Amino acid sequence: SVTNSGLYIRGENETSVKAILLDINGKQVDEN
């Protein structure tokens, strides 16, 4: 399944993005 964040502006000090995946009950099951 693929989704997109939509447009955002990178912060001045921003170096990375952490994606956190939650299951249907809201429990974290993966991250990248």
Full PDB file with SEQRES, HELIX, SHEET, SSBOND, CRYST1, ORIGX, SCALE, CONECT and MASTER records, all heavy atoms in Angstrom:
SEQRES   1 A   32  SER VAL THR ASN SER GLY LEU TYR ILE ARG GLY GLU ASN          
SEQRES   2 A   32  GLU THR SER VAL LYS ALA ILE LEU LEU ASP ILE ASN GLY          
SEQRES   3 A   32  LYS GLN VAL ASP GLU ASN                                      
SHEET    1 AA1 2 ILE A  20  LEU A  22  0                                        
SHEET    2 AA1 2 GLN A  28  GLU A  31 -1                                        
CRYST1    1.000    1.000    1.000  90.00  90.00  90.00 P 1           1          
ORIGX1      1.000000  0.000000  0.000000        0.00000                         
ORIGX2      0.000000  1.000000  0.000000        0.00000                         
ORIGX3      0.000000  0.000000  1.000000        0.00000                         
SCALE1      1.000000  0.000000  0.000000        0.00000                         
SCALE2      0.000000  1.000000  0.000000        0.00000                         
SCALE3      0.000000  0.000000  1.000000        0.00000                         
ATOM      1  N   SER A   1       0.869  -1.173   0.000  1.00  0.00           N  
ATOM      2  CA  SER A   1       0.000   0.000   0.000  1.00  0.00           C  
ATOM      3  C   SER A   1       0.905   1.222   0.000  1.00  0.00           C  
ATOM      4  O   SER A   1       1.891   1.265   0.730  1.00  0.00           O  
ATOM      5  CB  SER A   1      -0.903  -0.005   1.233  1.00  0.00           C  
ATOM      6  OG  SER A   1      -1.746   1.126   1.246  1.00  0.00           O  
ATOM      7  N   VAL A   2       0.575   2.220  -0.816  1.00  0.00           N  
ATOM      8  CA  VAL A   2       1.417   3.409  -0.973  1.00  0.00           C  
ATOM      9  C   VAL A   2       0.589   4.648  -0.655  1.00  0.00           C  
ATOM     10  O   VAL A   2      -0.578   4.739  -1.050  1.00  0.00           O  
ATOM     11  CB  VAL A   2       1.978   3.509  -2.413  1.00  0.00           C  
ATOM     12  CG1 VAL A   2       2.837   4.762  -2.575  1.00  0.00           C  
ATOM     13  CG2 VAL A   2       2.776   2.270  -2.768  1.00  0.00           C  
ATOM     14  N   THR A   3       1.206   5.594   0.052  1.00  0.00           N  
ATOM     15  CA  THR A   3       0.557   6.868   0.340  1.00  0.00           C  
ATOM     16  C   THR A   3       1.583   7.980   0.187  1.00  0.00           C  
ATOM     17  O   THR A   3       2.776   7.724   0.037  1.00  0.00           O  
ATOM     18  CB  THR A   3      -0.071   6.872   1.756  1.00  0.00           C  
ATOM     19  OG1 THR A   3      -0.905   8.028   1.902  1.00  0.00           O  
ATOM     20  CG2 THR A   3       0.987   6.860   2.844  1.00  0.00           C  
ATOM     21  N   ASN A   4       1.112   9.215   0.228  1.00  0.00           N  
ATOM     22  CA  ASN A   4       1.991  10.362   0.091  1.00  0.00           C  
ATOM     23  C   ASN A   4       1.691  11.358   1.197  1.00  0.00           C  
ATOM     24  O   ASN A   4       0.535  11.538   1.580  1.00  0.00           O  
ATOM     25  CB  ASN A   4       1.804  11.023  -1.285  1.00  0.00           C  
ATOM     26  CG  ASN A   4       2.828  12.084  -1.554  1.00  0.00           C  
ATOM     27  OD1 ASN A   4       2.679  13.216  -1.116  1.00  0.00           O  
ATOM     28  ND2 ASN A   4       3.879  11.733  -2.266  1.00  0.00           N  
ATOM     29  N   SER A   5       2.740  12.004   1.689  1.00  0.00           N  
ATOM     30  CA  SER A   5       2.603  12.954   2.796  1.00  0.00           C  
ATOM     31  C   SER A   5       1.900  14.236   2.400  1.00  0.00           C  
ATOM     32  O   SER A   5       1.372  14.940   3.238  1.00  0.00           O  
ATOM     33  CB  SER A   5       3.987  13.326   3.328  1.00  0.00           C  
ATOM     34  OG  SER A   5       4.706  14.043   2.324  1.00  0.00           O  
ATOM     35  N   GLY A   6       1.936  14.563   1.124  1.00  0.00           N  
ATOM     36  CA  GLY A   6       1.527  15.887   0.691  1.00  0.00           C  
ATOM     37  C   GLY A   6       2.719  16.823   0.834  1.00  0.00           C  
ATOM     38  O   GLY A   6       3.717  16.497   1.486  1.00  0.00           O  
ATOM     39  N   LEU A   7       2.641  17.966   0.227  1.00  0.00           N  
ATOM     40  CA  LEU A   7       3.747  18.923   0.219  1.00  0.00           C  
ATOM     41  C   LEU A   7       4.014  19.485   1.612  1.00  0.00           C  
ATOM     42  O   LEU A   7       3.080  19.796   2.354  1.00  0.00           O  
ATOM     43  CB  LEU A   7       3.409  20.074  -0.731  1.00  0.00           C  
ATOM     44  CG  LEU A   7       4.531  21.041  -1.058  1.00  0.00           C  
ATOM     45  CD1 LEU A   7       5.631  20.355  -1.860  1.00  0.00           C  
ATOM     46  CD2 LEU A   7       3.980  22.222  -1.844  1.00  0.00           C  
ATOM     47  N   TYR A   8       5.291  19.595   1.954  1.00  0.00           N  
ATOM     48  CA  TYR A   8       5.692  20.241   3.200  1.00  0.00           C  
ATOM     49  C   TYR A   8       6.993  21.001   2.961  1.00  0.00           C  
ATOM     50  O   TYR A   8       7.690  20.773   1.972  1.00  0.00           O  
ATOM     51  CB  TYR A   8       5.838  19.239   4.355  1.00  0.00           C  
ATOM     52  CG  TYR A   8       6.949  18.220   4.175  1.00  0.00           C  
ATOM     53  CD1 TYR A   8       8.256  18.493   4.590  1.00  0.00           C  
ATOM     54  CD2 TYR A   8       6.700  16.991   3.590  1.00  0.00           C  
ATOM     55  CE1 TYR A   8       9.269  17.564   4.422  1.00  0.00           C  
ATOM     56  CE2 TYR A   8       7.707  16.061   3.424  1.00  0.00           C  
ATOM     57  CZ  TYR A   8       8.992  16.361   3.835  1.00  0.00           C  
ATOM     58  OH  TYR A   8       9.994  15.441   3.663  1.00  0.00           O  
ATOM     59  N   ILE A   9       7.305  21.913   3.866  1.00  0.00           N  
ATOM     60  CA  ILE A   9       8.525  22.722   3.769  1.00  0.00           C  
ATOM     61  C   ILE A   9       9.559  22.157   4.729  1.00  0.00           C  
ATOM     62  O   ILE A   9       9.294  22.029   5.930  1.00  0.00           O  
ATOM     63  CB  ILE A   9       8.244  24.202   4.090  1.00  0.00           C  
ATOM     64  CG1 ILE A   9       7.247  24.764   3.074  1.00  0.00           C  
ATOM     65  CG2 ILE A   9       9.539  25.005   4.081  1.00  0.00           C  
ATOM     66  CD1 ILE A   9       6.735  26.146   3.408  1.00  0.00           C  
ATOM     67  N   ARG A  10      10.721  21.816   4.201  1.00  0.00           N  
ATOM     68  CA  ARG A  10      11.819  21.293   5.018  1.00  0.00           C  
ATOM     69  C   ARG A  10      12.294  22.374   5.980  1.00  0.00           C  
ATOM     70  O   ARG A  10      12.529  23.515   5.591  1.00  0.00           O  
ATOM     71  CB  ARG A  10      12.968  20.855   4.115  1.00  0.00           C  
ATOM     72  CG  ARG A  10      14.163  20.321   4.865  1.00  0.00           C  
ATOM     73  CD  ARG A  10      15.254  19.907   3.891  1.00  0.00           C  
ATOM     74  NE  ARG A  10      16.447  19.472   4.611  1.00  0.00           N  
ATOM     75  CZ  ARG A  10      17.564  19.105   4.006  1.00  0.00           C  
ATOM     76  NH1 ARG A  10      17.637  19.103   2.683  1.00  0.00           N  
ATOM     77  NH2 ARG A  10      18.603  18.724   4.726  1.00  0.00           N  
ATOM     78  N   GLY A  11      12.422  22.011   7.258  1.00  0.00           N  
ATOM     79  CA  GLY A  11      12.879  22.951   8.276  1.00  0.00           C  
ATOM     80  C   GLY A  11      14.347  23.305   8.108  1.00  0.00           C  
ATOM     81  O   GLY A  11      15.131  22.551   7.515  1.00  0.00           O  
ATOM     82  N   GLU A  12      14.729  24.441   8.658  1.00  0.00           N  
ATOM     83  CA  GLU A  12      16.095  24.946   8.516  1.00  0.00           C  
ATOM     84  C   GLU A  12      17.148  23.955   9.010  1.00  0.00           C  
ATOM     85  O   GLU A  12      18.193  23.795   8.387  1.00  0.00           O  
ATOM     86  CB  GLU A  12      16.219  26.268   9.292  1.00  0.00           C  
ATOM     87  CG  GLU A  12      17.552  26.947   9.120  1.00  0.00           C  
ATOM     88  CD  GLU A  12      17.605  28.286   9.843  1.00  0.00           C  
ATOM     89  OE1 GLU A  12      16.553  28.928  10.021  1.00  0.00           O  
ATOM     90  OE2 GLU A  12      18.720  28.676  10.233  1.00  0.00           O  
ATOM     91  N   ASN A  13      16.890  23.277  10.123  1.00  0.00           N  
ATOM     92  CA  ASN A  13      17.854  22.327  10.692  1.00  0.00           C  
ATOM     93  C   ASN A  13      17.509  20.872  10.399  1.00  0.00           C  
ATOM     94  O   ASN A  13      18.155  19.967  10.912  1.00  0.00           O  
ATOM     95  CB  ASN A  13      17.912  22.505  12.218  1.00  0.00           C  
ATOM     96  CG  ASN A  13      18.364  23.902  12.602  1.00  0.00           C  
ATOM     97  OD1 ASN A  13      19.271  24.444  12.008  1.00  0.00           O  
ATOM     98  ND2 ASN A  13      17.689  24.488  13.578  1.00  0.00           N  
ATOM     99  N   GLU A  14      16.501  20.643   9.573  1.00  0.00           N  
ATOM    100  CA  GLU A  14      15.995  19.294   9.340  1.00  0.00           C  
ATOM    101  C   GLU A  14      16.954  18.465   8.474  1.00  0.00           C  
ATOM    102  O   GLU A  14      17.351  18.896   7.399  1.00  0.00           O  
ATOM    103  CB  GLU A  14      14.633  19.388   8.649  1.00  0.00           C  
ATOM    104  CG  GLU A  14      13.904  18.086   8.528  1.00  0.00           C  
ATOM    105  CD  GLU A  14      12.519  18.270   7.933  1.00  0.00           C  
ATOM    106  OE1 GLU A  14      11.995  19.401   7.876  1.00  0.00           O  
ATOM    107  OE2 GLU A  14      11.955  17.254   7.515  1.00  0.00           O  
ATOM    108  N   THR A  15      17.306  17.279   8.964  1.00  0.00           N  
ATOM    109  CA  THR A  15      18.233  16.403   8.240  1.00  0.00           C  
ATOM    110  C   THR A  15      17.623  15.060   7.864  1.00  0.00           C  
ATOM    111  O   THR A  15      18.187  14.340   7.045  1.00  0.00           O  
ATOM    112  CB  THR A  15      19.504  16.135   9.074  1.00  0.00           C  
ATOM    113  OG1 THR A  15      19.124  15.502  10.305  1.00  0.00           O  
ATOM    114  CG2 THR A  15      20.260  17.426   9.365  1.00  0.00           C  
ATOM    115  N   SER A  16      16.470  14.698   8.476  1.00  0.00           N  
ATOM    116  CA  SER A  16      15.883  13.386   8.209  1.00  0.00           C  
ATOM    117  C   SER A  16      14.395  13.377   8.525  1.00  0.00           C  
ATOM    118  O   SER A  16      13.870  14.271   9.183  1.00  0.00           O  
ATOM    119  CB  SER A  16      16.596  12.308   9.027  1.00  0.00           C  
ATOM    120  OG  SER A  16      16.425  12.538  10.407  1.00  0.00           O  
ATOM    121  N   VAL A  17      13.739  12.303   8.045  1.00  0.00           N  
ATOM    122  CA  VAL A  17      12.321  12.073   8.316  1.00  0.00           C  
ATOM    123  C   VAL A  17      12.182  10.658   8.878  1.00  0.00           C  
ATOM    124  O   VAL A  17      12.675   9.696   8.292  1.00  0.00           O  
ATOM    125  CB  VAL A  17      11.460  12.207   7.047  1.00  0.00           C  
ATOM    126  CG1 VAL A  17       9.997  11.882   7.353  1.00  0.00           C  
ATOM    127  CG2 VAL A  17      11.583  13.596   6.453  1.00  0.00           C  
ATOM    128  N   LYS A  18      11.520  10.555  10.014  1.00  0.00           N  
ATOM    129  CA  LYS A  18      11.244   9.255  10.623  1.00  0.00           C  
ATOM    130  C   LYS A  18       9.773   8.934  10.390  1.00  0.00           C  
ATOM    131  O   LYS A  18       8.894   9.681  10.823  1.00  0.00           O  
ATOM    132  CB  LYS A  18      11.536   9.295  12.125  1.00  0.00           C  
ATOM    133  CG  LYS A  18      11.269   7.985  12.839  1.00  0.00           C  
ATOM    134  CD  LYS A  18      11.624   8.133  14.317  1.00  0.00           C  
ATOM    135  CE  LYS A  18      11.458   6.859  15.095  1.00  0.00           C  
ATOM    136  NZ  LYS A  18      11.828   7.050  16.511  1.00  0.00           N  
ATOM    137  N   ALA A  19       9.515   7.836   9.687  1.00  0.00           N  
ATOM    138  CA  ALA A  19       8.150   7.369   9.481  1.00  0.00           C  
ATOM    139  C   ALA A  19       7.865   6.283  10.521  1.00  0.00           C  
ATOM    140  O   ALA A  19       8.677   5.377  10.720  1.00  0.00           O  
ATOM    141  CB  ALA A  19       7.982   6.817   8.072  1.00  0.00           C  
ATOM    142  N   ILE A  20       6.737   6.398  11.185  1.00  0.00           N  
ATOM    143  CA  ILE A  20       6.320   5.446  12.217  1.00  0.00           C  
ATOM    144  C   ILE A  20       5.020   4.805  11.753  1.00  0.00           C  
ATOM    145  O   ILE A  20       4.043   5.505  11.479  1.00  0.00           O  
ATOM    146  CB  ILE A  20       6.118   6.161  13.565  1.00  0.00           C  
ATOM    147  CG1 ILE A  20       7.426   6.825  14.007  1.00  0.00           C  
ATOM    148  CG2 ILE A  20       5.596   5.188  14.612  1.00  0.00           C  
ATOM    149  CD1 ILE A  20       7.262   7.799  15.154  1.00  0.00           C  
ATOM    150  N   LEU A  21       5.010   3.477  11.657  1.00  0.00           N  
ATOM    151  CA  LEU A  21       3.819   2.752  11.217  1.00  0.00           C  
ATOM    152  C   LEU A  21       3.066   2.188  12.412  1.00  0.00           C  
ATOM    153  O   LEU A  21       3.644   1.492  13.254  1.00  0.00           O  
ATOM    154  CB  LEU A  21       4.221   1.605  10.277  1.00  0.00           C  
ATOM    155  CG  LEU A  21       3.078   0.771   9.701  1.00  0.00           C  
ATOM    156  CD1 LEU A  21       2.182   1.622   8.792  1.00  0.00           C  
ATOM    157  CD2 LEU A  21       3.622  -0.428   8.939  1.00  0.00           C  
ATOM    158  N   LEU A  22       1.772   2.511  12.471  1.00  0.00           N  
ATOM    159  CA  LEU A  22       0.890   2.002  13.521  1.00  0.00           C  
ATOM    160  C   LEU A  22      -0.087   1.010  12.925  1.00  0.00           C  
ATOM    161  O   LEU A  22      -0.563   1.197  11.793  1.00  0.00           O  
ATOM    162  CB  LEU A  22       0.100   3.151  14.156  1.00  0.00           C  
ATOM    163  CG  LEU A  22       0.891   4.341  14.689  1.00  0.00           C  
ATOM    164  CD1 LEU A  22      -0.068   5.398  15.239  1.00  0.00           C  
ATOM    165  CD2 LEU A  22       1.891   3.917  15.735  1.00  0.00           C  
ATOM    166  N   ASP A  23      -0.406  -0.047  13.688  1.00  0.00           N  
ATOM    167  CA  ASP A  23      -1.423  -0.990  13.219  1.00  0.00           C  
ATOM    168  C   ASP A  23      -2.815  -0.381  13.420  1.00  0.00           C  
ATOM    169  O   ASP A  23      -2.942   0.767  13.878  1.00  0.00           O  
ATOM    170  CB  ASP A  23      -1.267  -2.363  13.884  1.00  0.00           C  
ATOM    171  CG  ASP A  23      -1.562  -2.379  15.378  1.00  0.00           C  
ATOM    172  OD1 ASP A  23      -2.128  -1.405  15.928  1.00  0.00           O  
ATOM    173  OD2 ASP A  23      -1.225  -3.398  16.016  1.00  0.00           O  
ATOM    174  N   ILE A  24      -3.851  -1.133  13.104  1.00  0.00           N  
ATOM    175  CA  ILE A  24      -5.215  -0.579  13.190  1.00  0.00           C  
ATOM    176  C   ILE A  24      -5.635  -0.242  14.606  1.00  0.00           C  
ATOM    177  O   ILE A  24      -6.565   0.528  14.813  1.00  0.00           O  
ATOM    178  CB  ILE A  24      -6.251  -1.510  12.519  1.00  0.00           C  
ATOM    179  CG1 ILE A  24      -6.268  -2.879  13.184  1.00  0.00           C  
ATOM    180  CG2 ILE A  24      -6.006  -1.641  11.038  1.00  0.00           C  
ATOM    181  CD1 ILE A  24      -7.366  -3.790  12.695  1.00  0.00           C  
ATOM    182  N   ASN A  25      -4.913  -0.777  15.600  1.00  0.00           N  
ATOM    183  CA  ASN A  25      -5.207  -0.478  17.009  1.00  0.00           C  
ATOM    184  C   ASN A  25      -4.328   0.632  17.573  1.00  0.00           C  
ATOM    185  O   ASN A  25      -4.408   0.945  18.753  1.00  0.00           O  
ATOM    186  CB  ASN A  25      -5.048  -1.748  17.851  1.00  0.00           C  
ATOM    187  CG  ASN A  25      -6.031  -2.820  17.441  1.00  0.00           C  
ATOM    188  OD1 ASN A  25      -7.219  -2.549  17.287  1.00  0.00           O  
ATOM    189  ND2 ASN A  25      -5.533  -4.023  17.213  1.00  0.00           N  
ATOM    190  N   GLY A  26      -3.453   1.208  16.744  1.00  0.00           N  
ATOM    191  CA  GLY A  26      -2.601   2.302  17.193  1.00  0.00           C  
ATOM    192  C   GLY A  26      -1.278   1.875  17.797  1.00  0.00           C  
ATOM    193  O   GLY A  26      -0.559   2.693  18.345  1.00  0.00           O  
ATOM    194  N   LYS A  27      -0.936   0.592  17.694  1.00  0.00           N  
ATOM    195  CA  LYS A  27       0.332   0.085  18.222  1.00  0.00           C  
ATOM    196  C   LYS A  27       1.422   0.202  17.163  1.00  0.00           C  
ATOM    197  O   LYS A  27       1.222  -0.166  16.004  1.00  0.00           O  
ATOM    198  CB  LYS A  27       0.167  -1.387  18.621  1.00  0.00           C  
ATOM    199  CG  LYS A  27       1.447  -2.016  19.140  1.00  0.00           C  
ATOM    200  CD  LYS A  27       1.251  -3.494  19.421  1.00  0.00           C  
ATOM    201  CE  LYS A  27       2.597  -4.126  19.751  1.00  0.00           C  
ATOM    202  NZ  LYS A  27       2.533  -5.583  19.701  1.00  0.00           N  
ATOM    203  N   GLN A  28       2.600   0.718  17.568  1.00  0.00           N  
ATOM    204  CA  GLN A  28       3.701   0.851  16.621  1.00  0.00           C  
ATOM    205  C   GLN A  28       4.199  -0.532  16.208  1.00  0.00           C  
ATOM    206  O   GLN A  28       4.495  -1.379  17.049  1.00  0.00           O  
ATOM    207  CB  GLN A  28       4.860   1.654  17.218  1.00  0.00           C  
ATOM    208  CG  GLN A  28       5.993   1.849  16.226  1.00  0.00           C  
ATOM    209  CD  GLN A  28       7.112   2.735  16.731  1.00  0.00           C  
ATOM    210  OE1 GLN A  28       6.894   3.570  17.606  1.00  0.00           O  
ATOM    211  NE2 GLN A  28       8.295   2.566  16.170  1.00  0.00           N  
ATOM    212  N   VAL A  29       4.310  -0.743  14.876  1.00  0.00           N  
ATOM    213  CA  VAL A  29       4.745  -2.040  14.366  1.00  0.00           C  
ATOM    214  C   VAL A  29       5.996  -1.950  13.482  1.00  0.00           C  
ATOM    215  O   VAL A  29       6.604  -2.969  13.174  1.00  0.00           O  
ATOM    216  CB  VAL A  29       3.606  -2.758  13.600  1.00  0.00           C  
ATOM    217  CG1 VAL A  29       2.499  -3.166  14.570  1.00  0.00           C  
ATOM    218  CG2 VAL A  29       3.068  -1.904  12.471  1.00  0.00           C  
ATOM    219  N   ASP A  30       6.369  -0.738  13.059  1.00  0.00           N  
ATOM    220  CA  ASP A  30       7.566  -0.578  12.227  1.00  0.00           C  
ATOM    221  C   ASP A  30       7.950   0.899  12.213  1.00  0.00           C  
ATOM    222  O   ASP A  30       7.151   1.765  12.570  1.00  0.00           O  
ATOM    223  CB  ASP A  30       7.295  -1.056  10.795  1.00  0.00           C  
ATOM    224  CG  ASP A  30       8.542  -1.486  10.036  1.00  0.00           C  
ATOM    225  OD1 ASP A  30       9.671  -1.265  10.546  1.00  0.00           O  
ATOM    226  OD2 ASP A  30       8.413  -2.046   8.927  1.00  0.00           O  
ATOM    227  N   GLU A  31       9.198   1.150  11.823  1.00  0.00           N  
ATOM    228  CA  GLU A  31       9.654   2.529  11.627  1.00  0.00           C  
ATOM    229  C   GLU A  31      10.777   2.534  10.613  1.00  0.00           C  
ATOM    230  O   GLU A  31      11.401   1.509  10.349  1.00  0.00           O  
ATOM    231  CB  GLU A  31      10.083   3.196  12.930  1.00  0.00           C  
ATOM    232  CG  GLU A  31      11.306   2.616  13.574  1.00  0.00           C  
ATOM    233  CD  GLU A  31      11.687   3.339  14.865  1.00  0.00           C  
ATOM    234  OE1 GLU A  31      10.792   3.561  15.708  1.00  0.00           O  
ATOM    235  OE2 GLU A  31      12.863   3.672  15.002  1.00  0.00           O  
ATOM    236  N   ASN A  32      11.019   3.708  10.029  1.00  0.00           N  
ATOM    237  CA  ASN A  32      12.049   3.855   9.015  1.00  0.00           C  
ATOM    238  C   ASN A  32      12.524   5.302   9.052  1.00  0.00           C  
ATOM    239  O   ASN A  32      11.735   6.211   9.260  1.00  0.00           O  
ATOM    240  CB  ASN A  32      11.444   3.538   7.641  1.00  0.00           C  
ATOM    241  CG  ASN A  32      12.417   3.735   6.505  1.00  0.00           C  
ATOM    242  OD1 ASN A  32      12.667   4.870   6.101  1.00  0.00           O  
ATOM    243  ND2 ASN A  32      12.953   2.654   5.976  1.00  0.00           N  
TER     244      ASN A  32                                                      
MASTER        0    0    0    0    2    0    0    6  243    1    0    3          
END                                                                             
